């Protein structure tokens, strides 16, 4: 295991190897906890918390983006017709986003479009990080 250089297993199949790794890793952690040096397990736990926060961040922004898309798409279907709505779906929401900004005042959805834009920008920033 790359994070734990002292931990390794050798077996003929994957399941036996996993079982051996679990046993060796458990023994390694217990040994390191009983010794005076601090284990690197703390780093692994911190990284898993960071990953959880990133996943939550991703889910929240994805659901926010999806909700805004659906709300604007419904308005687009009602106002612009079925073909306009189909184009919005086929372009993965890009046309719906553009249509929403073009018709934001008329449809009274400026705050919804600002929220959708905010979700898109936050998601793009999250990809860059």
Protein backbone atom coordinates (compact mmCIF):
# COMPACT_ATOMS: atom_id res chain seq x y z
CA UNK A 1 0.00 0.00 0.00
CA UNK A 2 1.54 3.29 -1.10
CA UNK A 3 0.39 5.28 1.94
CA UNK A 4 1.68 2.59 4.31
CA UNK A 5 5.03 1.29 3.01
CA UNK A 6 5.36 -1.28 5.79
CA UNK A 7 2.00 -2.87 4.92
CA UNK A 8 1.90 -5.48 2.17
CA UNK A 9 0.24 -8.79 1.38
CA UNK A 10 0.97 -11.62 -0.99
CA UNK A 11 -1.74 -14.07 -2.02
CA UNK A 12 -3.00 -16.11 -4.95
CA UNK A 13 -6.36 -14.33 -5.28
CA UNK A 14 -7.78 -10.90 -4.67
CA UNK A 15 -10.09 -11.76 -1.76
CA UNK A 16 -7.33 -13.45 0.26
CA UNK A 17 -5.05 -10.50 -0.45
CA UNK A 18 -7.69 -8.07 0.84
CA UNK A 19 -8.14 -10.10 4.01
CA UNK A 20 -4.39 -10.20 4.59
CA UNK A 21 -4.10 -6.46 3.98
CA UNK A 22 -6.85 -5.77 6.51
CA UNK A 23 -5.11 -7.90 9.13
CA UNK A 24 -1.65 -6.43 8.47
CA UNK A 25 -2.98 -2.87 8.36
CA UNK A 26 -4.82 -3.36 11.65
CA UNK A 27 -1.67 -4.75 13.28
CA UNK A 28 0.41 -1.90 11.81
CA UNK A 29 -1.99 0.75 13.16
CA UNK A 30 -2.04 -0.86 16.62
CA UNK A 31 1.76 -1.06 16.64
CA UNK A 32 2.14 2.59 15.57
CA UNK A 33 -0.39 3.75 18.14
CA UNK A 34 1.46 1.90 20.89
CA UNK A 35 4.83 3.36 19.84
CA UNK A 36 5.92 6.91 20.57
CA UNK A 37 5.83 8.09 16.95
CA UNK A 38 2.55 9.41 15.65
CA UNK A 39 1.00 7.37 12.85
CA UNK A 40 0.30 8.76 9.40
CA UNK A 41 -3.25 7.47 9.73
CA UNK A 42 -4.30 10.96 10.82
CA UNK A 43 -3.50 12.25 7.34
CA UNK A 44 -5.62 9.53 5.79
CA UNK A 45 -8.58 10.37 8.04
CA UNK A 46 -8.24 14.08 7.24
CA UNK A 47 -8.13 13.35 3.52
CA UNK A 48 -11.26 11.20 3.74
CA UNK A 49 -13.06 14.07 5.53
CA UNK A 50 -11.94 16.47 2.80
CA UNK A 51 -13.17 14.05 0.16
CA UNK A 52 -16.53 13.82 1.92
CA UNK A 53 -16.84 17.61 1.99
CA UNK A 54 -15.98 17.80 -1.70
CA UNK A 55 -18.60 15.18 -2.51
CA UNK A 56 -21.23 17.05 -0.49
CA UNK A 57 -20.22 20.29 -2.22
CA UNK A 58 -20.53 18.55 -5.59
CA UNK A 59 -23.95 17.07 -4.81
CA UNK A 60 -25.37 20.37 -3.53
CA UNK A 61 -24.20 22.37 -6.53
CA UNK A 62 -25.27 19.62 -8.96
CA UNK A 63 -28.78 19.40 -7.49
CA UNK A 64 -29.04 23.20 -7.42
CA UNK A 65 -28.04 23.39 -11.08
CA UNK A 66 -30.49 20.61 -11.97
CA UNK A 67 -33.36 22.27 -10.08
CA UNK A 68 -32.76 25.60 -11.82
CA UNK A 69 -32.57 23.85 -15.19
CA UNK A 70 -35.89 22.06 -14.62
CA UNK A 71 -37.67 25.23 -13.46
CA UNK A 72 -36.48 27.23 -16.46
CA UNK A 73 -37.17 24.31 -18.82
CA UNK A 74 -40.79 24.14 -17.66
CA UNK A 75 -41.17 27.85 -18.35
CA UNK A 76 -39.45 27.38 -21.69
CA UNK A 77 -41.87 24.58 -22.64
CA UNK A 78 -44.89 26.65 -21.58
CA UNK A 79 -43.77 29.84 -23.28
CA UNK A 80 -41.58 28.72 -26.18
CA UNK A 81 -43.30 25.50 -27.15
CA UNK A 82 -42.31 21.85 -27.34
CA UNK A 83 -39.61 22.28 -29.98
CA UNK A 84 -37.92 25.02 -27.98
CA UNK A 85 -37.97 22.77 -24.91
CA UNK A 86 -36.61 19.79 -26.88
CA UNK A 87 -33.72 21.91 -28.13
CA UNK A 88 -33.05 22.88 -24.52
CA UNK A 89 -32.92 19.21 -23.52
CA UNK A 90 -30.85 18.12 -26.53
CA UNK A 91 -28.25 20.83 -25.90
CA UNK A 92 -27.87 19.61 -22.29
CA UNK A 93 -29.40 22.79 -20.91
CA UNK A 94 -27.18 25.28 -22.73
CA UNK A 95 -30.05 26.60 -24.85
CA UNK A 96 -32.34 26.63 -21.81
CA UNK A 97 -29.75 28.70 -19.94
CA UNK A 98 -29.44 31.17 -22.84
CA UNK A 99 -33.21 31.28 -23.33
CA UNK A 100 -33.65 31.94 -19.62
CA UNK A 101 -31.37 34.97 -19.71
CA UNK A 102 -32.95 36.28 -22.92
CA UNK A 103 -36.44 36.02 -21.38
CA UNK A 104 -35.54 36.69 -17.73
CA UNK A 105 -37.42 40.00 -17.48
CA UNK A 106 -40.45 38.82 -19.43
CA UNK A 107 -40.73 35.59 -17.39
CA UNK A 108 -39.80 37.37 -14.14
CA UNK A 109 -37.00 34.90 -13.39
CA UNK A 110 -34.00 37.19 -12.96
CA UNK A 111 -33.28 35.91 -9.43
CA UNK A 112 -33.62 32.29 -10.60
CA UNK A 113 -31.19 32.94 -13.48
CA UNK A 114 -28.74 34.65 -11.11
CA UNK A 115 -28.93 31.61 -8.81
CA UNK A 116 -28.40 29.23 -11.74
CA UNK A 117 -25.44 31.29 -12.95
CA UNK A 118 -23.99 31.22 -9.43
CA UNK A 119 -24.29 27.42 -9.31
CA UNK A 120 -22.60 27.11 -12.72
CA UNK A 121 -19.72 29.39 -11.69
CA UNK A 122 -19.25 27.56 -8.38
CA UNK A 123 -19.19 24.20 -10.19
CA UNK A 124 -16.65 25.52 -12.70
CA UNK A 125 -14.46 26.82 -9.88
CA UNK A 126 -14.74 23.46 -8.16
CA UNK A 127 -13.48 21.70 -11.29
CA UNK A 128 -10.49 24.05 -11.52
CA UNK A 129 -9.52 23.49 -7.85
